[in-house]
Amino acid sequence: MVRGGDIVGDHRLIFAGPGETIELSHHAQDRSGFARGALVAARWVVGRPPGLYSMADVLGL
């Protein structure tokens, strides 16, 4: 992982098989996207019973 300049988030998902890889990457230059997701999750959880939730629950996946 390399962070420099204005990169605040660097994520990679790698699928590897014999002789090949598929890679999906995401580079965030500011934290506003993370903050928006946190606010969506906070609004969603209000009024829900105590429990373990994931972003898949929040997003309806």
N, C-alpha and C. Protein backbone atom coordinates (compact mmCIF):
# COMPACT_ATOMS: atom_id res chain seq x y z
N MET A 1 0.85 -1.16 0.00
CA MET A 1 0.00 0.00 0.00
C MET A 1 0.90 1.23 0.00
N VAL A 2 0.52 2.21 -0.81
CA VAL A 2 1.26 3.46 -0.87
C VAL A 2 0.29 4.60 -0.58
N ARG A 3 0.66 5.46 0.33
CA ARG A 3 -0.13 6.66 0.58
C ARG A 3 0.79 7.85 0.43
N GLY A 4 0.35 8.79 -0.32
CA GLY A 4 1.13 10.00 -0.50
C GLY A 4 0.25 11.09 -1.08
N GLY A 5 0.73 12.29 -1.03
CA GLY A 5 -0.04 13.41 -1.56
C GLY A 5 -1.38 13.52 -0.87
N ASP A 6 -2.45 13.51 -1.66
CA ASP A 6 -3.78 13.69 -1.09
C ASP A 6 -4.58 12.38 -0.98
N ILE A 7 -3.93 11.23 -1.07
CA ILE A 7 -4.63 9.95 -0.96
C ILE A 7 -4.87 9.63 0.51
N VAL A 8 -6.16 9.52 0.89
CA VAL A 8 -6.51 9.21 2.29
C VAL A 8 -7.05 7.79 2.42
N GLY A 9 -7.36 7.16 1.33
CA GLY A 9 -7.85 5.79 1.35
C GLY A 9 -7.43 5.08 0.09
N ASP A 10 -6.84 3.91 0.23
CA ASP A 10 -6.38 3.13 -0.91
C ASP A 10 -6.78 1.68 -0.65
N HIS A 11 -7.71 1.16 -1.45
CA HIS A 11 -8.25 -0.17 -1.23
C HIS A 11 -8.12 -0.98 -2.51
N ARG A 12 -7.74 -2.26 -2.37
CA ARG A 12 -7.66 -3.15 -3.51
C ARG A 12 -8.32 -4.48 -3.19
N LEU A 13 -9.05 -4.99 -4.16
CA LEU A 13 -9.65 -6.31 -4.08
C LEU A 13 -9.03 -7.12 -5.20
N ILE A 14 -8.40 -8.24 -4.86
CA ILE A 14 -7.67 -9.03 -5.85
C ILE A 14 -8.24 -10.45 -5.89
N PHE A 15 -8.62 -10.90 -7.06
CA PHE A 15 -9.01 -12.28 -7.31
C PHE A 15 -7.87 -12.91 -8.08
N ALA A 16 -7.28 -13.95 -7.51
CA ALA A 16 -6.12 -14.58 -8.15
C ALA A 16 -6.42 -16.04 -8.45
N GLY A 17 -6.07 -16.44 -9.64
CA GLY A 17 -6.21 -17.83 -10.04
C GLY A 17 -4.92 -18.28 -10.70
N PRO A 18 -4.88 -19.49 -11.17
CA PRO A 18 -3.67 -19.97 -11.84
C PRO A 18 -3.35 -19.13 -13.07
N GLY A 19 -2.25 -18.41 -13.02
CA GLY A 19 -1.78 -17.64 -14.17
C GLY A 19 -2.49 -16.35 -14.47
N GLU A 20 -3.38 -15.88 -13.58
CA GLU A 20 -4.06 -14.61 -13.85
C GLU A 20 -4.59 -13.99 -12.57
N THR A 21 -4.79 -12.69 -12.60
CA THR A 21 -5.41 -11.96 -11.50
C THR A 21 -6.35 -10.92 -12.06
N ILE A 22 -7.37 -10.63 -11.27
CA ILE A 22 -8.28 -9.52 -11.56
C ILE A 22 -8.20 -8.61 -10.34
N GLU A 23 -8.01 -7.31 -10.58
CA GLU A 23 -7.84 -6.37 -9.48
C GLU A 23 -8.79 -5.20 -9.64
N LEU A 24 -9.47 -4.86 -8.54
CA LEU A 24 -10.35 -3.70 -8.49
C LEU A 24 -9.77 -2.77 -7.44
N SER A 25 -9.58 -1.51 -7.80
CA SER A 25 -8.98 -0.59 -6.84
C SER A 25 -9.85 0.66 -6.66
N HIS A 26 -9.69 1.26 -5.48
CA HIS A 26 -10.42 2.49 -5.14
C HIS A 26 -9.44 3.40 -4.43
N HIS A 27 -9.34 4.64 -4.89
CA HIS A 27 -8.44 5.62 -4.28
C HIS A 27 -9.26 6.85 -3.90
N ALA A 28 -9.27 7.20 -2.63
CA ALA A 28 -10.02 8.36 -2.15
C ALA A 28 -9.05 9.50 -1.88
N GLN A 29 -9.37 10.69 -2.40
CA GLN A 29 -8.53 11.85 -2.19
C GLN A 29 -8.98 12.71 -1.01
N ASP A 30 -10.20 12.48 -0.52
CA ASP A 30 -10.64 13.17 0.69
C ASP A 30 -11.58 12.26 1.46
N ARG A 31 -11.89 12.60 2.66
CA ARG A 31 -12.69 11.74 3.54
C ARG A 31 -14.19 11.99 3.44
N SER A 32 -14.62 12.87 2.56
CA SER A 32 -16.04 13.21 2.50
C SER A 32 -16.92 12.01 2.12
N GLY A 33 -16.43 11.14 1.26
CA GLY A 33 -17.20 9.95 0.91
C GLY A 33 -17.40 9.02 2.10
N PHE A 34 -16.35 8.86 2.90
CA PHE A 34 -16.45 8.04 4.10
C PHE A 34 -17.41 8.67 5.09
N ALA A 35 -17.36 9.99 5.22
CA ALA A 35 -18.26 10.70 6.14
C ALA A 35 -19.70 10.55 5.70
N ARG A 36 -19.98 10.66 4.40
CA ARG A 36 -21.35 10.49 3.90
C ARG A 36 -21.87 9.10 4.24
N GLY A 37 -21.04 8.06 4.06
CA GLY A 37 -21.45 6.70 4.39
C GLY A 37 -21.72 6.53 5.87
N ALA A 38 -20.89 7.14 6.70
CA ALA A 38 -21.10 7.07 8.16
C ALA A 38 -22.41 7.73 8.55
N LEU A 39 -22.74 8.86 7.92
CA LEU A 39 -24.00 9.54 8.23
C LEU A 39 -25.20 8.72 7.78
N VAL A 40 -25.11 8.10 6.61
CA VAL A 40 -26.21 7.24 6.14
C VAL A 40 -26.42 6.11 7.13
N ALA A 41 -25.33 5.47 7.58
CA ALA A 41 -25.43 4.36 8.53
C ALA A 41 -26.00 4.83 9.87
N ALA A 42 -25.57 5.99 10.33
CA ALA A 42 -26.06 6.51 11.61
C ALA A 42 -27.56 6.79 11.55
N ARG A 43 -28.02 7.36 10.44
CA ARG A 43 -29.46 7.63 10.30
C ARG A 43 -30.25 6.33 10.22
N TRP A 44 -29.69 5.33 9.55
CA TRP A 44 -30.37 4.05 9.37
C TRP A 44 -30.54 3.32 10.70
N VAL A 45 -29.55 3.37 11.57
CA VAL A 45 -29.56 2.57 12.79
C VAL A 45 -30.47 3.15 13.89
N VAL A 46 -30.84 4.42 13.76
CA VAL A 46 -31.69 5.04 14.77
C VAL A 46 -33.01 4.27 14.89
N GLY A 47 -33.34 3.87 16.11
CA GLY A 47 -34.59 3.18 16.36
C GLY A 47 -34.54 1.67 16.15
N ARG A 48 -33.43 1.15 15.66
CA ARG A 48 -33.32 -0.30 15.46
C ARG A 48 -32.91 -0.95 16.78
N PRO A 49 -33.31 -2.20 16.97
CA PRO A 49 -32.94 -2.89 18.22
C PRO A 49 -31.43 -3.14 18.27
N PRO A 50 -30.87 -3.30 19.47
CA PRO A 50 -29.44 -3.61 19.58
C PRO A 50 -29.11 -4.88 18.80
N GLY A 51 -27.98 -4.87 18.16
CA GLY A 51 -27.57 -6.05 17.40
C GLY A 51 -26.33 -5.75 16.60
N LEU A 52 -25.91 -6.70 15.82
CA LEU A 52 -24.75 -6.56 14.96
C LEU A 52 -25.24 -6.31 13.54
N TYR A 53 -24.90 -5.17 12.99
CA TYR A 53 -25.33 -4.80 11.65
C TYR A 53 -24.10 -4.56 10.77
N SER A 54 -24.27 -4.70 9.48
CA SER A 54 -23.19 -4.42 8.54
C SER A 54 -23.66 -3.39 7.52
N MET A 55 -22.75 -2.92 6.71
CA MET A 55 -23.14 -1.96 5.66
C MET A 55 -24.05 -2.64 4.65
N ALA A 56 -23.98 -3.96 4.53
CA ALA A 56 -24.91 -4.67 3.64
C ALA A 56 -26.35 -4.48 4.14
N ASP A 57 -26.53 -4.48 5.46
CA ASP A 57 -27.86 -4.21 6.03
C ASP A 57 -28.30 -2.79 5.71
N VAL A 58 -27.40 -1.85 5.93
CA VAL A 58 -27.70 -0.43 5.70
C VAL A 58 -28.08 -0.19 4.24
N LEU A 59 -27.37 -0.84 3.33
CA LEU A 59 -27.59 -0.63 1.89
C LEU A 59 -28.66 -1.53 1.31
N GLY A 60 -29.20 -2.45 2.13
CA GLY A 60 -30.24 -3.35 1.66
C GLY A 60 -29.73 -4.41 0.70
N LEU A 61 -28.50 -4.82 0.87
CA LEU A 61 -27.92 -5.84 -0.03
C LEU A 61 -28.17 -7.24 0.47
